[in-house]
């Protein structure tokens, strides 16, 4: 019966992160996203508690500003690794 040759043990294996740059989160990302996430609801709560007198005299557009802060926070959280 024929005997098969043994395979070489030194087979090249490519690194897993070949072609990818190793980059972590910027240091400002998480604090900024958390700040915006807290500022948005706080803006809306202040608007309702003060009966639309504060934070800005722009009427119901204060709701849009509060939700814009929260949306910006969610957009930043999509970059979090």
Protein backbone atom coordinates (compact mmCIF):
# COMPACT_ATOMS: atom_id res chain seq x y z
CA UNK A 1 0.00 0.00 0.00
CA UNK A 2 1.25 3.47 -0.89
CA UNK A 3 2.22 5.85 1.88
CA UNK A 4 1.09 9.46 1.51
CA UNK A 5 3.44 12.33 2.06
CA UNK A 6 2.99 14.35 5.19
CA UNK A 7 1.94 17.97 4.84
CA UNK A 8 4.33 20.75 5.78
CA UNK A 9 3.59 22.16 9.22
CA UNK A 10 4.82 25.63 8.29
CA UNK A 11 1.84 26.85 6.30
CA UNK A 12 1.54 30.63 5.94
CA UNK A 13 -1.54 32.15 7.57
CA UNK A 14 -2.48 35.73 6.74
CA UNK A 15 -3.10 38.06 9.68
CA UNK A 16 -6.75 38.67 10.50
CA UNK A 17 -6.56 42.47 10.28
CA UNK A 18 -4.84 42.54 6.91
CA UNK A 19 -5.61 45.81 5.14
CA UNK A 20 -7.57 47.26 8.05
CA UNK A 21 -6.29 50.14 10.09
CA UNK A 22 -6.35 49.66 13.81
CA UNK A 23 -8.28 52.62 15.18
CA UNK A 24 -10.25 52.93 18.35
CA UNK A 25 -12.82 55.47 19.40
CA UNK A 26 -11.87 59.12 19.49
CA UNK A 27 -11.68 60.32 23.08
CA UNK A 28 -14.43 62.90 22.52
CA UNK A 29 -17.00 60.51 21.07
CA UNK A 30 -18.61 58.90 24.11
CA UNK A 31 -18.66 62.01 26.36
CA UNK A 32 -20.20 64.08 23.56
CA UNK A 33 -22.82 61.45 22.74
CA UNK A 34 -23.80 61.00 26.39
CA UNK A 35 -23.98 64.77 26.91
CA UNK A 36 -26.28 65.18 23.91
CA UNK A 37 -28.38 62.24 25.08
CA UNK A 38 -28.91 63.93 28.46
CA UNK A 39 -29.29 67.45 27.05
CA UNK A 40 -32.11 66.53 24.65
CA UNK A 41 -34.64 65.27 27.21
CA UNK A 42 -33.55 67.97 29.68
CA UNK A 43 -34.29 70.61 27.03
CA UNK A 44 -37.78 69.17 26.46
CA UNK A 45 -38.51 68.85 30.20
CA UNK A 46 -37.48 72.47 30.84
CA UNK A 47 -39.69 73.55 27.95
CA UNK A 48 -42.73 71.80 29.43
CA UNK A 49 -42.09 72.75 33.07
CA UNK A 50 -41.74 76.47 32.27
CA UNK A 51 -44.90 76.44 30.10
CA UNK A 52 -42.99 77.25 26.89
CA UNK A 53 -41.14 80.29 28.31
CA UNK A 54 -37.67 78.75 28.36
CA UNK A 55 -35.07 77.66 27.06
CA UNK A 56 -35.60 79.72 23.87
CA UNK A 57 -38.57 81.83 22.80
CA UNK A 58 -39.16 79.84 19.61
CA UNK A 59 -42.37 78.14 20.64
CA UNK A 60 -42.90 74.50 19.78
CA UNK A 61 -39.64 74.40 17.84
CA UNK A 62 -38.00 73.75 21.21
CA UNK A 63 -39.27 70.19 20.84
CA UNK A 64 -37.46 69.91 17.53
CA UNK A 65 -34.27 71.18 19.16
CA UNK A 66 -34.54 68.61 21.96
CA UNK A 67 -35.15 65.76 19.53
CA UNK A 68 -32.30 67.01 17.32
CA UNK A 69 -29.92 66.70 20.30
CA UNK A 70 -31.08 63.12 20.84
CA UNK A 71 -30.81 62.28 17.13
CA UNK A 72 -27.28 63.68 17.01
CA UNK A 73 -26.42 61.53 20.00
CA UNK A 74 -27.72 58.40 18.27
CA UNK A 75 -25.75 59.30 15.14
CA UNK A 76 -22.59 59.54 17.22
CA UNK A 77 -23.31 56.23 18.93
CA UNK A 78 -23.30 54.51 15.53
CA UNK A 79 -19.58 55.31 15.29
CA UNK A 80 -18.83 53.69 18.67
CA UNK A 81 -16.72 50.55 18.35
